[in-house]
Amino acid sequence: MLDVLTSDANVLFESIHHVDSKVTVVVTLFEYGALVTEAHDSVAAQDLEHFDLVVVNDASTDGGEQRVMDWLQASHDRFGRALLVHHTRNQGLAAARNQGFAAAA
């Protein structure tokens, strides 16, 4: 569950398979939708057995959010917890990272 969810953010996807993760990978998304699937494939390929993935879309408009949603629906069981947070307005990289850190378990 999110410790801090800004008023301009909402959770679009959440999957919880276990709570054994000691590491959370946070990925921010803003206008690099063409690269996001490759980035997430790289995260999923890591050797660490138990970890979580939090993706924060900082109001990207290039279709990346739908790519992330499709990828998470197909791959969420790789992670203890998978989460997609959507900012309704662009808040900048620092705010997106902070949102991701706040969402980390």
Protein backbone atom coordinates (compact mmCIF):
# COMPACT_ATOMS: atom_id res chain seq x y z
CA MET A 1 0.00 0.00 0.00
CA LEU A 2 1.21 3.51 -0.75
CA ASP A 3 2.50 5.52 2.20
CA VAL A 4 2.07 8.76 0.28
CA LEU A 5 -0.09 9.21 -2.79
CA THR A 6 -0.13 12.75 -4.11
CA SER A 7 -3.51 14.26 -4.90
CA ASP A 8 -2.61 14.17 -8.61
CA ALA A 9 -1.85 10.42 -8.65
CA ASN A 10 -3.79 7.19 -8.79
CA VAL A 11 -2.97 3.50 -8.91
CA LEU A 12 -3.79 1.91 -12.27
CA PHE A 13 -2.43 -1.57 -11.59
CA GLU A 14 -1.39 -3.50 -8.50
CA SER A 15 -0.51 -7.15 -8.12
CA ILE A 16 0.75 -8.76 -4.93
CA HIS A 17 2.13 -12.32 -5.01
CA HIS A 18 4.21 -12.33 -1.86
CA VAL A 19 5.74 -9.99 0.73
CA ASP A 20 9.21 -11.54 0.81
CA SER A 21 10.90 -8.81 -1.26
CA LYS A 22 13.73 -6.83 0.26
CA VAL A 23 14.34 -4.74 -2.87
CA THR A 24 12.05 -2.50 -4.91
CA VAL A 25 12.97 -1.29 -8.38
CA VAL A 26 11.39 2.07 -9.22
CA VAL A 27 11.04 3.06 -12.87
CA THR A 28 9.76 6.49 -13.88
CA LEU A 29 8.06 7.03 -17.22
CA PHE A 30 7.84 10.27 -19.17
CA GLU A 31 7.89 10.28 -22.97
CA TYR A 32 10.09 7.22 -23.52
CA GLY A 33 7.39 4.68 -24.23
CA ALA A 34 9.35 3.23 -27.14
CA LEU A 35 12.04 2.07 -24.70
CA VAL A 36 10.00 1.09 -21.67
CA THR A 37 9.35 -2.55 -22.62
CA GLU A 38 13.07 -3.16 -23.10
CA ALA A 39 13.78 -1.54 -19.73
CA HIS A 40 11.21 -3.70 -17.96
CA ASP A 41 12.48 -6.86 -19.67
CA SER A 42 15.92 -6.00 -18.28
CA VAL A 43 14.50 -5.59 -14.78
CA ALA A 44 12.65 -8.91 -14.99
CA ALA A 45 15.82 -10.69 -16.14
CA GLN A 46 17.71 -9.89 -12.93
CA ASP A 47 19.01 -12.81 -10.89
CA LEU A 48 17.46 -11.63 -7.64
CA GLU A 49 14.64 -14.00 -6.76
CA HIS A 50 12.32 -11.75 -4.72
CA PHE A 51 11.87 -8.11 -5.62
CA ASP A 52 9.12 -5.62 -6.38
CA LEU A 53 8.57 -3.26 -9.31
CA VAL A 54 6.97 0.17 -9.04
CA VAL A 55 6.40 2.20 -12.22
CA VAL A 56 5.39 5.85 -11.99
CA ASN A 57 4.00 7.43 -15.15
CA ASP A 58 4.55 11.16 -14.79
CA ALA A 59 1.74 12.13 -17.21
CA SER A 60 3.51 10.76 -20.28
CA THR A 61 1.50 11.15 -23.49
CA ASP A 62 3.39 8.88 -25.89
CA GLY A 63 1.51 5.62 -25.25
CA GLY A 64 4.08 4.29 -22.81
CA GLU A 65 1.54 3.83 -20.05
CA GLN A 66 -0.47 1.34 -22.12
CA ARG A 67 2.75 -0.51 -22.98
CA VAL A 68 3.56 -0.73 -19.26
CA MET A 69 0.03 -1.89 -18.44
CA ASP A 70 0.19 -4.62 -21.10
CA TRP A 71 3.65 -5.69 -19.93
CA LEU A 72 2.62 -5.79 -16.26
CA GLN A 73 -0.49 -7.83 -17.03
CA ALA A 74 1.70 -10.39 -18.81
CA SER A 75 4.66 -10.34 -16.39
CA HIS A 76 3.40 -9.34 -12.95
CA ASP A 77 3.93 -12.78 -11.46
CA ARG A 78 7.72 -12.28 -11.75
CA PHE A 79 7.52 -9.78 -8.89
CA GLY A 80 6.42 -9.96 -5.29
CA ARG A 81 4.50 -6.79 -5.93
CA ALA A 82 3.99 -4.90 -9.18
CA LEU A 83 2.48 -1.42 -9.20
CA LEU A 84 1.70 1.23 -11.81
CA VAL A 85 1.01 4.74 -10.53
CA HIS A 86 -0.28 7.46 -12.87
CA HIS A 87 0.32 11.17 -12.28
CA THR A 88 -2.54 13.18 -13.77
CA ARG A 89 -0.19 16.09 -14.43
CA ASN A 90 3.54 16.16 -15.01
CA GLN A 91 5.31 16.79 -11.71
CA GLY A 92 8.91 16.26 -12.80
CA LEU A 93 11.45 13.51 -12.34
CA ALA A 94 12.13 14.16 -8.65
CA ALA A 95 8.44 14.00 -7.74
CA ALA A 96 7.97 10.83 -9.81
CA ARG A 97 10.93 9.19 -8.09
CA ASN A 98 9.68 10.27 -4.67
CA GLN A 99 6.26 8.81 -5.48
CA GLY A 100 7.93 5.53 -6.40
CA PHE A 101 10.01 5.51 -3.23
CA ALA A 102 6.89 6.20 -1.15
CA ALA A 103 5.19 3.25 -2.83
CA ALA A 104 8.06 0.87 -2.05
CA ALA A 105 7.20 -1.70 0.59
